[in-house]
Amino acid sequence: MNKKGFTLIELMIVIA
């Protein structure tokens, strides 16, 4: 279940 193609892990990576 990807929200807007962003997952919790991916979101943290993008912010980092």
N, C-alpha and C. Protein backbone atom coordinates (compact mmCIF):
# COMPACT_ATOMS: atom_id res chain seq x y z
N MET A 1 0.84 -1.20 0.00
CA MET A 1 0.00 0.00 0.00
C MET A 1 0.88 1.25 0.00
N ASN A 2 1.20 1.71 -1.18
CA ASN A 2 2.05 2.90 -1.28
C ASN A 2 1.19 4.14 -1.45
N LYS A 3 1.35 5.10 -0.55
CA LYS A 3 0.59 6.34 -0.65
C LYS A 3 1.34 7.34 -1.51
N LYS A 4 0.79 7.63 -2.70
CA LYS A 4 1.44 8.54 -3.65
C LYS A 4 2.82 8.01 -4.00
N GLY A 5 3.00 6.70 -3.94
CA GLY A 5 4.29 6.10 -4.29
C GLY A 5 5.34 6.40 -3.24
N PHE A 6 4.90 6.77 -2.03
CA PHE A 6 5.85 7.04 -0.96
C PHE A 6 5.56 6.17 0.25
N THR A 7 6.58 5.49 0.74
CA THR A 7 6.39 4.66 1.93
C THR A 7 7.11 5.32 3.10
N LEU A 8 6.89 4.82 4.29
CA LEU A 8 7.52 5.43 5.47
C LEU A 8 9.03 5.41 5.30
N ILE A 9 9.57 4.31 4.82
CA ILE A 9 11.03 4.19 4.64
C ILE A 9 11.50 5.16 3.57
N GLU A 10 10.80 5.15 2.42
CA GLU A 10 11.20 6.03 1.33
C GLU A 10 11.09 7.49 1.76
N LEU A 11 10.05 7.82 2.52
CA LEU A 11 9.85 9.19 2.98
C LEU A 11 11.03 9.65 3.83
N MET A 12 11.48 8.78 4.72
CA MET A 12 12.62 9.13 5.59
C MET A 12 13.87 9.31 4.75
N ILE A 13 14.03 8.49 3.73
CA ILE A 13 15.22 8.58 2.87
C ILE A 13 15.21 9.89 2.10
N VAL A 14 14.03 10.27 1.59
CA VAL A 14 13.93 11.52 0.83
C VAL A 14 14.22 12.72 1.73
N ILE A 15 13.70 12.71 2.94
CA ILE A 15 13.93 13.81 3.88
C ILE A 15 15.40 13.85 4.29
N ALA A 16 15.99 12.67 4.46
CA ALA A 16 17.39 12.59 4.85
C ALA A 16 18.25 12.99 3.65
